[in-house]
């Protein structure tokens, strides 16, 4: 067995052995591949997991006999994937349209969203992927829905201020907990804790009468540590503030690059994770060869640095400009 297998990996491996459906097996395998430590000792296991995932997907497709699949996996794009989670008619699709202009089906009857609908939210000079999901309801939940939430980087929990938002929130949280998903306001290391996911609450329909009073009650009685952002998806109230909070919750920042003797490429930043992103991390993000053959870098940062030379372990910050040398 490869060294340094983490407890979350072993837990996912146990769920794979106990899984009873192809969807559950596939979700566990993909989770194992995501959190598997990356070093030479795990290369063989990584290849084996990839092969098993491909084989299981192929077998599932064959068993379906050409019928419409019930498994939906949306590949992540941009600076991160945020799922919109909430009960029927909470306004998730209207929020998606307001933030991304994605062509969502919007109606005043429940369950209009039946499949995941992605949209790209522009934010400064990057894009963030939002994913509208079918509603969380005791009446009906697609079997793949909670796997889609678990794969995401963050979750936006949407409640309707017009229809007992506290009850809506509690029911959503209960169903997430039943499927080992715990939204939290804290920064989350998904490799160490696959149950926790960064979360935020959108209190929608601030345009209705008495919305402010209902919002105060919700804030006083809700028992999570999640921040509540008041919005109106219909009028656009609060959507810009919501963008700021969503991106902040992803824990990302931008780094620009330049070639020697050329101007910085300010229209296409690389997106890095806050906390431990170094120059060498940037090099590997761009291309493996850059990381393996890295020699030194020059860095520009506001008035602090103007092309000084730095080594591989120097920590990067938002809007740094880096010139890599091999």
C-alpha atoms as a PDB file:
ATOM      1  CA  UNK A   1       0.000   0.000   0.000  1.00  0.00           C
ATOM      2  CA  UNK A   2       1.416   3.441  -0.882  1.00  0.00           C
ATOM      3  CA  UNK A   3       2.623   5.561   2.009  1.00  0.00           C
ATOM      4  CA  UNK A   4       0.832   8.634   3.394  1.00  0.00           C
ATOM      5  CA  UNK A   5      -2.748   7.589   2.653  1.00  0.00           C
ATOM      6  CA  UNK A   6      -4.876  10.004   4.660  1.00  0.00           C
ATOM      7  CA  UNK A   7      -7.837   9.049   6.897  1.00  0.00           C
ATOM      8  CA  UNK A   8     -10.317  10.729   4.466  1.00  0.00           C
ATOM      9  CA  UNK A   9      -8.919   8.538   1.665  1.00  0.00           C
ATOM     10  CA  UNK A  10      -9.350   5.395   3.731  1.00  0.00           C
ATOM     11  CA  UNK A  11     -12.888   6.495   4.616  1.00  0.00           C
ATOM     12  CA  UNK A  12     -13.726   6.982   0.910  1.00  0.00           C
ATOM     13  CA  UNK A  13     -12.193   3.577   0.171  1.00  0.00           C
ATOM     14  CA  UNK A  14     -14.458   2.012   2.810  1.00  0.00           C
ATOM     15  CA  UNK A  15     -17.516   3.694   1.229  1.00  0.00           C
ATOM     16  CA  UNK A  16     -16.469   2.253  -2.136  1.00  0.00           C
ATOM     17  CA  UNK A  17     -16.337  -1.277  -0.704  1.00  0.00           C
ATOM     18  CA  UNK A  18     -19.749  -0.809   0.910  1.00  0.00           C
ATOM     19  CA  UNK A  19     -21.395   0.924  -2.075  1.00  0.00           C
ATOM     20  CA  UNK A  20     -24.426  -0.852  -3.510  1.00  0.00           C
ATOM     21  CA  UNK A  21     -25.036   1.166  -6.700  1.00  0.00           C
ATOM     22  CA  UNK A  22     -22.776   2.211  -9.612  1.00  0.00           C
ATOM     23  CA  UNK A  23     -23.423   5.874  -8.767  1.00  0.00           C
ATOM     24  CA  UNK A  24     -22.199   5.386  -5.202  1.00  0.00           C
ATOM     25  CA  UNK A  25     -19.149   3.410  -6.372  1.00  0.00           C
ATOM     26  CA  UNK A  26     -18.258   6.052  -8.958  1.00  0.00           C
ATOM     27  CA  UNK A  27     -18.589   8.894  -6.449  1.00  0.00           C
ATOM     28  CA  UNK A  28     -16.321   7.086  -3.978  1.00  0.00           C
ATOM     29  CA  UNK A  29     -13.695   6.308  -6.637  1.00  0.00           C
ATOM     30  CA  UNK A  30     -13.638   9.917  -7.844  1.00  0.00           C
ATOM     31  CA  UNK A  31     -13.302  11.130  -4.258  1.00  0.00           C
ATOM     32  CA  UNK A  32     -10.403   8.708  -3.704  1.00  0.00           C
ATOM     33  CA  UNK A  33      -8.652  10.000  -6.817  1.00  0.00           C
ATOM     34  CA  UNK A  34      -9.170  13.629  -5.770  1.00  0.00           C
ATOM     35  CA  UNK A  35      -7.701  13.268  -2.274  1.00  0.00           C
ATOM     36  CA  UNK A  36      -4.946  10.753  -3.104  1.00  0.00           C
ATOM     37  CA  UNK A  37      -1.558  12.258  -2.104  1.00  0.00           C
ATOM     38  CA  UNK A  38       0.519  13.193  -5.146  1.00  0.00           C
ATOM     39  CA  UNK A  39       3.971  11.605  -5.096  1.00  0.00           C
ATOM     40  CA  UNK A  40       5.832   8.858  -6.934  1.00  0.00           C
ATOM     41  CA  UNK A  41       4.680   6.251  -4.444  1.00  0.00           C
ATOM     42  CA  UNK A  42       1.045   6.738  -5.501  1.00  0.00           C
ATOM     43  CA  UNK A  43       1.505   6.842  -9.284  1.00  0.00           C
ATOM     44  CA  UNK A  44       0.485   3.186  -9.712  1.00  0.00           C
ATOM     45  CA  UNK A  45      -2.560   3.576  -7.479  1.00  0.00           C
ATOM     46  CA  UNK A  46      -3.569   6.780  -9.301  1.00  0.00           C
ATOM     47  CA  UNK A  47      -3.421   4.977 -12.646  1.00  0.00           C
ATOM     48  CA  UNK A  48      -5.459   2.087 -11.215  1.00  0.00           C
ATOM     49  CA  UNK A  49      -8.155   4.431  -9.881  1.00  0.00           C
ATOM     50  CA  UNK A  50      -8.381   6.230 -13.236  1.00  0.00           C
ATOM     51  CA  UNK A  51      -8.759   2.888 -15.015  1.00  0.00           C
ATOM     52  CA  UNK A  52     -11.466   1.707 -12.607  1.00  0.00           C
ATOM     53  CA  UNK A  53     -13.400   4.971 -13.008  1.00  0.00           C
ATOM     54  CA  UNK A  54     -13.315   4.709 -16.816  1.00  0.00           C
ATOM     55  CA  UNK A  55     -14.359   1.046 -16.689  1.00  0.00           C
ATOM     56  CA  UNK A  56     -17.265   1.746 -14.325  1.00  0.00           C
ATOM     57  CA  UNK A  57     -18.511   4.650 -16.473  1.00  0.00           C
ATOM     58  CA  UNK A  58     -18.397   2.413 -19.562  1.00  0.00           C
ATOM     59  CA  UNK A  59     -20.249  -0.429 -17.819  1.00  0.00           C
ATOM     60  CA  UNK A  60     -22.917   1.981 -16.562  1.00  0.00           C
ATOM     61  CA  UNK A  61     -23.412   3.338 -20.063  1.00  0.00           C
ATOM     62  CA  UNK A  62     -23.772  -0.150 -21.545  1.00  0.00           C
ATOM     63  CA  UNK A  63     -26.315  -1.212 -18.911  1.00  0.00           C
ATOM     64  CA  UNK A  64     -28.381   1.857 -19.716  1.00  0.00           C
ATOM     65  CA  UNK A  65     -28.870   0.472 -23.240  1.00  0.00           C
ATOM     66  CA  UNK A  66     -28.778   3.900 -24.827  1.00  0.00           C
ATOM     67  CA  UNK A  67     -31.386   5.324 -22.485  1.00  0.00           C
ATOM     68  CA  UNK A  68     -31.031   8.750 -20.914  1.00  0.00           C
ATOM     69  CA  UNK A  69     -28.459   8.727 -18.139  1.00  0.00           C
ATOM     70  CA  UNK A  70     -29.293   9.650 -14.555  1.00  0.00           C
ATOM     71  CA  UNK A  71     -25.674  10.560 -13.730  1.00  0.00           C
ATOM     72  CA  UNK A  72     -24.611  14.142 -14.320  1.00  0.00           C
ATOM     73  CA  UNK A  73     -21.033  15.307 -13.866  1.00  0.00           C
ATOM     74  CA  UNK A  74     -20.190  18.897 -14.810  1.00  0.00           C
ATOM     75  CA  UNK A  75     -16.466  19.453 -15.245  1.00  0.00           C
ATOM     76  CA  UNK A  76     -15.145  22.402 -13.263  1.00  0.00           C
ATOM     77  CA  UNK A  77     -14.183  25.557 -15.136  1.00  0.00           C
ATOM     78  CA  UNK A  78     -12.817  28.960 -14.164  1.00  0.00           C
ATOM     79  CA  UNK A  79     -11.723  29.858 -10.664  1.00  0.00           C
ATOM     80  CA  UNK A  80     -13.975  27.367  -8.882  1.00  0.00           C
ATOM     81  CA  UNK A  81     -17.356  25.633  -8.915  1.00  0.00           C
ATOM     82  CA  UNK A  82     -20.170  26.865  -6.653  1.00  0.00           C
ATOM     83  CA  UNK A  83     -23.427  24.902  -6.468  1.00  0.00           C
ATOM     84  CA  UNK A  84     -26.804  26.563  -5.833  1.00  0.00           C
ATOM     85  CA  UNK A  85     -28.709  24.494  -3.269  1.00  0.00           C
ATOM     86  CA  UNK A  86     -32.217  25.080  -1.965  1.00  0.00           C
ATOM     87  CA  UNK A  87     -35.882  24.050  -1.877  1.00  0.00           C
ATOM     88  CA  UNK A  88     -38.338  24.391  -4.794  1.00  0.00           C
ATOM     89  CA  UNK A  89     -39.191  27.950  -5.902  1.00  0.00           C
ATOM     90  CA  UNK A  90     -36.476  29.559  -3.762  1.00  0.00           C
ATOM     91  CA  UNK A  91     -35.182  31.483  -6.783  1.00  0.00           C
ATOM     92  CA  UNK A  92     -31.996  29.575  -7.616  1.00  0.00           C
ATOM     93  CA  UNK A  93     -32.529  29.759 -11.367  1.00  0.00           C
ATOM     94  CA  UNK A  94     -33.225  33.498 -11.228  1.00  0.00           C
ATOM     95  CA  UNK A  95     -30.009  33.992  -9.235  1.00  0.00           C
ATOM     96  CA  UNK A  96     -28.080  32.006 -11.841  1.00  0.00           C
ATOM     97  CA  UNK A  97     -29.483  34.152 -14.622  1.00  0.00           C
ATOM     98  CA  UNK A  98     -28.781  37.376 -12.727  1.00  0.00           C
ATOM     99  CA  UNK A  99     -25.151  36.467 -12.085  1.00  0.00           C
ATOM    100  CA  UNK A 100     -24.245  34.679 -15.314  1.00  0.00           C
ATOM    101  CA  UNK A 101     -26.965  35.315 -17.943  1.00  0.00           C
ATOM    102  CA  UNK A 102     -27.229  31.530 -18.364  1.00  0.00           C
ATOM    103  CA  UNK A 103     -30.467  30.515 -20.073  1.00  0.00           C
ATOM    104  CA  UNK A 104     -32.216  28.982 -17.057  1.00  0.00           C
ATOM    105  CA  UNK A 105     -35.827  27.803 -17.127  1.00  0.00           C
ATOM    106  CA  UNK A 106     -37.638  30.049 -14.650  1.00  0.00           C
ATOM    107  CA  UNK A 107     -41.227  29.437 -13.540  1.00  0.00           C
ATOM    108  CA  UNK A 108     -43.448  29.787 -10.462  1.00  0.00           C
ATOM    109  CA  UNK A 109     -44.005  26.043 -10.161  1.00  0.00           C
ATOM    110  CA  UNK A 110     -41.601  23.653  -8.388  1.00  0.00           C
ATOM    111  CA  UNK A 111     -38.915  21.369  -9.898  1.00  0.00           C
ATOM    112  CA  UNK A 112     -38.305  23.381 -13.072  1.00  0.00           C
ATOM    113  CA  UNK A 113     -34.595  22.527 -12.801  1.00  0.00           C
ATOM    114  CA  UNK A 114     -34.173  18.814 -13.556  1.00  0.00           C
ATOM    115  CA  UNK A 115     -30.522  18.648 -14.611  1.00  0.00           C
ATOM    116  CA  UNK A 116     -27.451  20.642 -13.533  1.00  0.00           C
ATOM    117  CA  UNK A 117     -27.308  23.968 -15.350  1.00  0.00           C
ATOM    118  CA  UNK A 118     -23.884  25.677 -15.391  1.00  0.00           C
ATOM    119  CA  UNK A 119     -23.159  29.351 -15.963  1.00  0.00           C
ATOM    120  CA  UNK A 120     -19.964  31.421 -15.825  1.00  0.00           C
ATOM    121  CA  UNK A 121     -20.017  34.418 -13.481  1.00  0.00           C
ATOM    122  CA  UNK A 122     -17.630  37.227 -14.491  1.00  0.00           C
ATOM    123  CA  UNK A 123     -15.671  38.680 -11.588  1.00  0.00           C
ATOM    124  CA  UNK A 124     -13.032  41.304 -12.361  1.00  0.00           C
ATOM    125  CA  UNK A 125     -10.736  39.521 -14.840  1.00  0.00           C
ATOM    126  CA  UNK A 126     -11.697  35.910 -14.023  1.00  0.00           C
ATOM    127  CA  UNK A 127     -14.763  33.683 -14.245  1.00  0.00           C
ATOM    128  CA  UNK A 128     -16.390  31.518 -11.577  1.00  0.00           C
ATOM    129  CA  UNK A 129     -18.621  28.572 -12.456  1.00  0.00           C
ATOM    130  CA  UNK A 130     -22.074  28.503 -10.866  1.00  0.00           C
ATOM    131  CA  UNK A 131     -24.121  25.321 -11.034  1.00  0.00           C
ATOM    132  CA  UNK A 132     -27.900  25.388 -10.525  1.00  0.00           C
ATOM    133  CA  UNK A 133     -29.120  22.031  -9.229  1.00  0.00           C
ATOM    134  CA  UNK A 134     -32.567  20.458  -8.867  1.00  0.00           C
ATOM    135  CA  UNK A 135     -34.221  21.471  -5.590  1.00  0.00           C
ATOM    136  CA  UNK A 136     -33.511  19.684  -2.320  1.00  0.00           C
ATOM    137  CA  UNK A 137     -36.873  18.271  -1.273  1.00  0.00           C
ATOM    138  CA  UNK A 138     -38.255  15.320   0.668  1.00  0.00           C
ATOM    139  CA  UNK A 139     -40.639  14.736  -2.228  1.00  0.00           C
ATOM    140  CA  UNK A 140     -37.962  13.869  -4.778  1.00  0.00           C
ATOM    141  CA  UNK A 141     -34.177  14.138  -5.045  1.00  0.00           C
ATOM    142  CA  UNK A 142     -32.199  12.800  -8.040  1.00  0.00           C
ATOM    143  CA  UNK A 143     -29.717  10.138  -6.869  1.00  0.00           C
ATOM    144  CA  UNK A 144     -26.737  12.088  -8.239  1.00  0.00           C
ATOM    145  CA  UNK A 145     -27.551  15.452  -6.599  1.00  0.00           C
ATOM    146  CA  UNK A 146     -25.579  15.068  -3.378  1.00  0.00           C
ATOM    147  CA  UNK A 147     -22.540  13.759  -5.248  1.00  0.00           C
ATOM    148  CA  UNK A 148     -22.625  16.938  -7.344  1.00  0.00           C
ATOM    149  CA  UNK A 149     -22.682  19.062  -4.171  1.00  0.00           C
ATOM    150  CA  UNK A 150     -19.838  17.068  -2.660  1.00  0.00           C
ATOM    151  CA  UNK A 151     -17.652  17.599  -5.749  1.00  0.00           C
ATOM    152  CA  UNK A 152     -18.103  21.397  -5.701  1.00  0.00           C
ATOM    153  CA  UNK A 153     -15.736  23.904  -4.108  1.00  0.00           C
ATOM    154  CA  UNK A 154     -18.494  25.817  -2.324  1.00  0.00           C
ATOM    155  CA  UNK A 155     -22.269  25.811  -1.807  1.00  0.00           C
ATOM    156  CA  UNK A 156     -24.716  28.713  -1.911  1.00  0.00           C
ATOM    157  CA  UNK A 157     -27.788  27.797   0.152  1.00  0.00           C
ATOM    158  CA  UNK A 158     -30.811  29.728  -1.127  1.00  0.00           C
ATOM    159  CA  UNK A 159     -33.902  30.405   0.984  1.00  0.00           C
ATOM    160  CA  UNK A 160     -37.127  32.262   0.152  1.00  0.00           C
ATOM    161  CA  UNK A 161     -37.991  35.040   2.622  1.00  0.00           C
ATOM    162  CA  UNK A 162     -41.626  34.749   1.543  1.00  0.00           C
ATOM    163  CA  UNK A 163     -42.069  31.113   2.625  1.00  0.00           C
ATOM    164  CA  UNK A 164     -40.695  30.315   6.118  1.00  0.00           C
ATOM    165  CA  UNK A 165     -36.968  30.604   5.343  1.00  0.00           C
ATOM    166  CA  UNK A 166     -35.917  29.081   8.678  1.00  0.00           C
ATOM    167  CA  UNK A 167     -37.842  25.875   7.957  1.00  0.00           C
ATOM    168  CA  UNK A 168     -36.405  25.795   4.427  1.00  0.00           C
ATOM    169  CA  UNK A 169     -32.868  26.228   5.729  1.00  0.00           C
ATOM    170  CA  UNK A 170     -33.233  23.587   8.437  1.00  0.00           C
ATOM    171  CA  UNK A 171     -34.675  21.037   6.019  1.00  0.00           C
ATOM    172  CA  UNK A 172     -31.877  21.644   3.512  1.00  0.00           C
ATOM    173  CA  UNK A 173     -29.223  21.314   6.228  1.00  0.00           C
ATOM    174  CA  UNK A 174     -30.814  18.124   7.573  1.00  0.00           C
ATOM    175  CA  UNK A 175     -30.818  16.471   4.166  1.00  0.00           C
ATOM    176  CA  UNK A 176     -27.221  17.529   3.510  1.00  0.00           C
ATOM    177  CA  UNK A 177     -26.167  16.130   6.887  1.00  0.00           C
ATOM    178  CA  UNK A 178     -27.889  12.835   6.095  1.00  0.00           C
ATOM    179  CA  UNK A 179     -25.580  12.585   3.075  1.00  0.00           C
ATOM    180  CA  UNK A 180     -22.415  13.525   5.018  1.00  0.00           C
ATOM    181  CA  UNK A 181     -22.249  17.141   3.814  1.00  0.00           C
ATOM    182  CA  UNK A 182     -21.674  19.905   6.383  1.00  0.00           C
ATOM    183  CA  UNK A 183     -21.705  23.528   5.101  1.00  0.00           C
ATOM    184  CA  UNK A 184     -19.497  25.828   7.176  1.00  0.00           C
ATOM    185  CA  UNK A 185     -18.275  29.408   7.155  1.00  0.00           C
ATOM    186  CA  UNK A 186     -14.735  28.318   7.981  1.00  0.00           C
ATOM    187  CA  UNK A 187     -11.973  27.759   5.448  1.00  0.00           C
ATOM    188  CA  UNK A 188     -12.056  24.093   4.496  1.00  0.00           C
ATOM    189  CA  UNK A 189      -9.245  21.749   3.548  1.00  0.00           C
ATOM    190  CA  UNK A 190     -11.218  19.274   1.440  1.00  0.00           C
ATOM    191  CA  UNK A 191      -8.340  16.776   1.394  1.00  0.00           C
ATOM    192  CA  UNK A 192      -8.506  16.490   5.199  1.00  0.00           C
ATOM    193  CA  UNK A 193     -12.270  16.775   5.682  1.00  0.00           C
ATOM    194  CA  UNK A 194     -14.446  15.609   2.813  1.00  0.00           C
ATOM    195  CA  UNK A 195     -17.645  16.157   4.802  1.00  0.00           C
ATOM    196  CA  UNK A 196     -17.194  19.906   5.219  1.00  0.00           C
ATOM    197  CA  UNK A 197     -17.848  22.358   2.386  1.00  0.00           C
ATOM    198  CA  UNK A 198     -17.576  26.135   2.431  1.00  0.00           C
ATOM    199  CA  UNK A 199     -21.091  27.560   2.550  1.00  0.00           C
ATOM    200  CA  UNK A 200     -23.030  30.815   2.328  1.00  0.00           C
ATOM    201  CA  UNK A 201     -26.742  31.625   2.643  1.00  0.00           C
ATOM    202  CA  UNK A 202     -28.596  33.826   0.150  1.00  0.00           C
ATOM    203  CA  UNK A 203     -31.823  35.200   1.628  1.00  0.00           C
ATOM    204  CA  UNK A 204     -33.787  35.838  -1.555  1.00  0.00           C
ATOM    205  CA  UNK A 205     -36.805  38.072  -2.309  1.00  0.00           C
ATOM    206  CA  UNK A 206     -35.812  41.148  -0.322  1.00  0.00           C
ATOM    207  CA  UNK A 207     -38.209  43.027  -2.608  1.00  0.00           C
ATOM    208  CA  UNK A 208     -41.311  41.641  -0.865  1.00  0.00           C
ATOM    209  CA  UNK A 209     -43.121  43.466   1.992  1.00  0.00           C
ATOM    210  CA  UNK A 210     -41.813  42.705   5.502  1.00  0.00           C
ATOM    211  CA  UNK A 211     -38.664  41.115   4.069  1.00  0.00           C
ATOM    212  CA  UNK A 212     -36.377  43.020   6.452  1.00  0.00           C
ATOM    213  CA  UNK A 213     -38.307  41.813   9.507  1.00  0.00           C
ATOM    214  CA  UNK A 214     -38.271  38.202   8.305  1.00  0.00           C
ATOM    215  CA  UNK A 215     -34.528  38.493   7.629  1.00  0.00           C
ATOM    216  CA  UNK A 216     -33.919  39.672  11.209  1.00  0.00           C
ATOM    217  CA  UNK A 217     -35.814  36.661  12.562  1.00  0.00           C
ATOM    218  CA  UNK A 218     -33.869  34.295  10.314  1.00  0.00           C
ATOM    219  CA  UNK A 219     -30.550  35.730  11.485  1.00  0.00           C
ATOM    220  CA  UNK A 220     -31.571  35.470  15.129  1.00  0.00           C
ATOM    221  CA  UNK A 221     -32.917  31.908  15.040  1.00  0.00           C
ATOM    222  CA  UNK A 222     -30.709  30.067  12.553  1.00  0.00           C
ATOM    223  CA  UNK A 223     -28.120  27.922  14.338  1.00  0.00           C
ATOM    224  CA  UNK A 224     -25.260  27.681  11.833  1.00  0.00           C
ATOM    225  CA  UNK A 225     -22.108  29.782  11.520  1.00  0.00           C
ATOM    226  CA  UNK A 226     -23.026  30.618   7.914  1.00  0.00           C
ATOM    227  CA  UNK A 227     -23.177  34.233   6.792  1.00  0.00           C
ATOM    228  CA  UNK A 228     -26.497  35.430   5.378  1.00  0.00           C
ATOM    229  CA  UNK A 229     -26.482  37.763   2.357  1.00  0.00           C
ATOM    230  CA  UNK A 230     -29.820  39.497   1.632  1.00  0.00           C
ATOM    231  CA  UNK A 231     -30.641  39.712  -2.076  1.00  0.00           C
ATOM    232  CA  UNK A 232     -33.426  40.077  -4.578  1.00  0.00           C
ATOM    233  CA  UNK A 233     -32.724  38.009  -7.664  1.00  0.00           C
ATOM    234  CA  UNK A 234     -35.671  39.711  -9.368  1.00  0.00           C
ATOM    235  CA  UNK A 235     -34.506  43.324  -8.888  1.00  0.00           C
ATOM    236  CA  UNK A 236     -30.760  42.674  -8.641  1.00  0.00           C
ATOM    237  CA  UNK A 237     -30.496  44.019  -5.088  1.00  0.00           C
ATOM    238  CA  UNK A 238     -27.435  42.624  -3.299  1.00  0.00           C
ATOM    239  CA  UNK A 239     -26.100  40.597  -6.227  1.00  0.00           C
ATOM    240  CA  UNK A 240     -22.801  42.495  -6.430  1.00  0.00           C
ATOM    241  CA  UNK A 241     -22.201  41.952  -2.712  1.00  0.00           C
ATOM    242  CA  UNK A 242     -23.097  38.298  -3.185  1.00  0.00           C
ATOM    243  CA  UNK A 243     -20.419  38.006  -5.877  1.00  0.00           C
ATOM    244  CA  UNK A 244     -17.791  39.362  -3.489  1.00  0.00           C
ATOM    245  CA  UNK A 245     -18.732  36.875  -0.768  1.00  0.00           C
ATOM    246  CA  UNK A 246     -18.871  33.931  -3.161  1.00  0.00           C
ATOM    247  CA  UNK A 247     -15.397  34.580  -4.540  1.00  0.00           C
ATOM    248  CA  UNK A 248     -13.955  35.291  -1.098  1.00  0.00           C
ATOM    249  CA  UNK A 249     -15.236  31.908   0.053  1.00  0.00           C
ATOM    250  CA  UNK A 250     -13.261  30.108  -2.646  1.00  0.00           C
ATOM    251  CA  UNK A 251      -9.967  31.266  -1.137  1.00  0.00           C
ATOM    252  CA  UNK A 252      -8.347  32.085  -4.482  1.00  0.00           C
ATOM    253  CA  UNK A 253      -6.186  34.862  -5.883  1.00  0.00           C
ATOM    254  CA  UNK A 254      -4.758  35.950  -9.240  1.00  0.00           C
ATOM    255  CA  UNK A 255      -1.186  35.812 -10.499  1.00  0.00           C
ATOM    256  CA  UNK A 256      -0.074  37.293 -13.818  1.00  0.00           C
ATOM    257  CA  UNK A 257       2.921  36.189 -15.869  1.00  0.00           C
ATOM    258  CA  UNK A 258       5.267  37.836 -18.314  1.00  0.00           C
ATOM    259  CA  UNK A 259       7.963  36.687 -20.705  1.00  0.00           C
ATOM    260  CA  UNK A 260      11.453  38.267 -20.532  1.00  0.00           C
ATOM    261  CA  UNK A 261      11.448  41.554 -22.398  1.00  0.00           C
ATOM    262  CA  UNK A 262       7.667  41.475 -22.895  1.00  0.00           C
ATOM    263  CA  UNK A 263       4.726  43.211 -21.206  1.00  0.00           C
ATOM    264  CA  UNK A 264       2.762  41.356 -18.524  1.00  0.00           C
ATOM    265  CA  UNK A 265      -0.197  39.269 -19.706  1.00  0.00           C
ATOM    266  CA  UNK A 266      -2.805  41.104 -17.642  1.00  0.00           C
ATOM    267  CA  UNK A 267      -5.845  39.681 -19.413  1.00  0.00           C
ATOM    268  CA  UNK A 268      -5.287  36.033 -18.455  1.00  0.00           C
ATOM    269  CA  UNK A 269      -4.288  35.528 -14.812  1.00  0.00           C
ATOM    270  CA  UNK A 270      -3.534  32.164 -13.286  1.00  0.00           C
ATOM    271  CA  UNK A 271      -5.775  31.305 -10.357  1.00  0.00           C
ATOM    272  CA  UNK A 272      -4.024  30.081  -7.214  1.00  0.00           C
ATOM    273  CA  UNK A 273      -5.202  28.897  -3.803  1.00  0.00           C
ATOM    274  CA  UNK A 274      -4.497  31.150  -0.819  1.00  0.00           C
ATOM    275  CA  UNK A 275      -2.337  29.939   2.028  1.00  0.00           C
ATOM    276  CA  UNK A 276       0.614  28.102   0.522  1.00  0.00           C
ATOM    277  CA  UNK A 277       0.935  29.073  -3.137  1.00  0.00           C
ATOM    278  CA  UNK A 278       4.587  29.582  -4.054  1.00  0.00           C
ATOM    279  CA  UNK A 279       6.453  30.463  -7.211  1.00  0.00           C
ATOM    280  CA  UNK A 280       7.153  26.766  -7.768  1.00  0.00           C
ATOM    281  CA  UNK A 281       3.415  26.014  -7.455  1.00  0.00           C
ATOM    282  CA  UNK A 282       2.774  28.568 -10.197  1.00  0.00           C
ATOM    283  CA  UNK A 283       5.419  26.965 -12.404  1.00  0.00           C
ATOM    284  CA  UNK A 284       3.796  23.528 -12.064  1.00  0.00           C
ATOM    285  CA  UNK A 285       0.340  25.053 -12.632  1.00  0.00           C
ATOM    286  CA  UNK A 286       1.479  26.427 -15.979  1.00  0.00           C
ATOM    287  CA  UNK A 287       3.331  23.298 -17.107  1.00  0.00           C
ATOM    288  CA  UNK A 288       5.064  20.360 -15.488  1.00  0.00           C
ATOM    289  CA  UNK A 289       8.278  21.025 -17.457  1.00  0.00           C
ATOM    290  CA  UNK A 290       8.434  24.558 -16.024  1.00  0.00           C
ATOM    291  CA  UNK A 291       8.271  23.173 -12.517  1.00  0.00           C
ATOM    292  CA  UNK A 292      10.859  20.463 -13.061  1.00  0.00           C
ATOM    293  CA  UNK A 293      13.315  22.812 -14.812  1.00  0.00           C
ATOM    294  CA  UNK A 294      12.690  25.906 -12.670  1.00  0.00           C
ATOM    295  CA  UNK A 295      15.789  28.023 -11.957  1.00  0.00           C
ATOM    296  CA  UNK A 296      14.567  31.364 -10.567  1.00  0.00           C
ATOM    297  CA  UNK A 297      11.874  34.015 -11.027  1.00  0.00           C
ATOM    298  CA  UNK A 298      11.581  37.781 -11.145  1.00  0.00           C
ATOM    299  CA  UNK A 299       8.594  39.367  -9.439  1.00  0.00           C
ATOM    300  CA  UNK A 300       6.680  42.646  -9.581  1.00  0.00           C
ATOM    301  CA  UNK A 301       4.347  43.599  -6.710  1.00  0.00           C
ATOM    302  CA  UNK A 302       3.015  47.170  -6.590  1.00  0.00           C
ATOM    303  CA  UNK A 303       5.696  49.486  -5.209  1.00  0.00           C
ATOM    304  CA  UNK A 304       7.278  46.737  -3.103  1.00  0.00           C
ATOM    305  CA  UNK A 305       9.090  44.700  -5.745  1.00  0.00           C
ATOM    306  CA  UNK A 306      10.129  45.714  -9.237  1.00  0.00           C
ATOM    307  CA  UNK A 307      11.654  42.687 -10.900  1.00  0.00           C
ATOM    308  CA  UNK A 308      13.722  41.363  -8.011  1.00  0.00           C
ATOM    309  CA  UNK A 309      14.932  37.763  -8.188  1.00  0.00           C
ATOM    310  CA  UNK A 310      13.189  35.137  -6.009  1.00  0.00           C
ATOM    311  CA  UNK A 311      13.524  31.414  -5.467  1.00  0.00           C
ATOM    312  CA  UNK A 312      10.948  28.644  -5.665  1.00  0.00           C
ATOM    313  CA  UNK A 313       9.546  28.809  -2.116  1.00  0.00           C
ATOM    314  CA  UNK A 314       8.582  32.511  -2.162  1.00  0.00           C
ATOM    315  CA  UNK A 315       4.880  32.950  -1.288  1.00  0.00           C
ATOM    316  CA  UNK A 316       2.749  34.716  -3.889  1.00  0.00           C
ATOM    317  CA  UNK A 317       0.000  37.301  -3.361  1.00  0.00           C
ATOM    318  CA  UNK A 318      -2.958  38.616  -5.347  1.00  0.00           C
ATOM    319  CA  UNK A 319      -1.989  40.438  -8.563  1.00  0.00           C
ATOM    320  CA  UNK A 320       1.700  39.509  -8.403  1.00  0.00           C
ATOM    321  CA  UNK A 321       3.445  39.543 -11.782  1.00  0.00           C
ATOM    322  CA  UNK A 322       5.946  36.712 -12.223  1.00  0.00           C
ATOM    323  CA  UNK A 323       8.600  36.080 -14.849  1.00  0.00           C
ATOM    324  CA  UNK A 324       9.769  32.453 -14.736  1.00  0.00           C
ATOM    325  CA  UNK A 325      13.248  31.326 -15.804  1.00  0.00           C
ATOM    326  CA  UNK A 326      14.400  27.761 -16.463  1.00  0.00           C
END
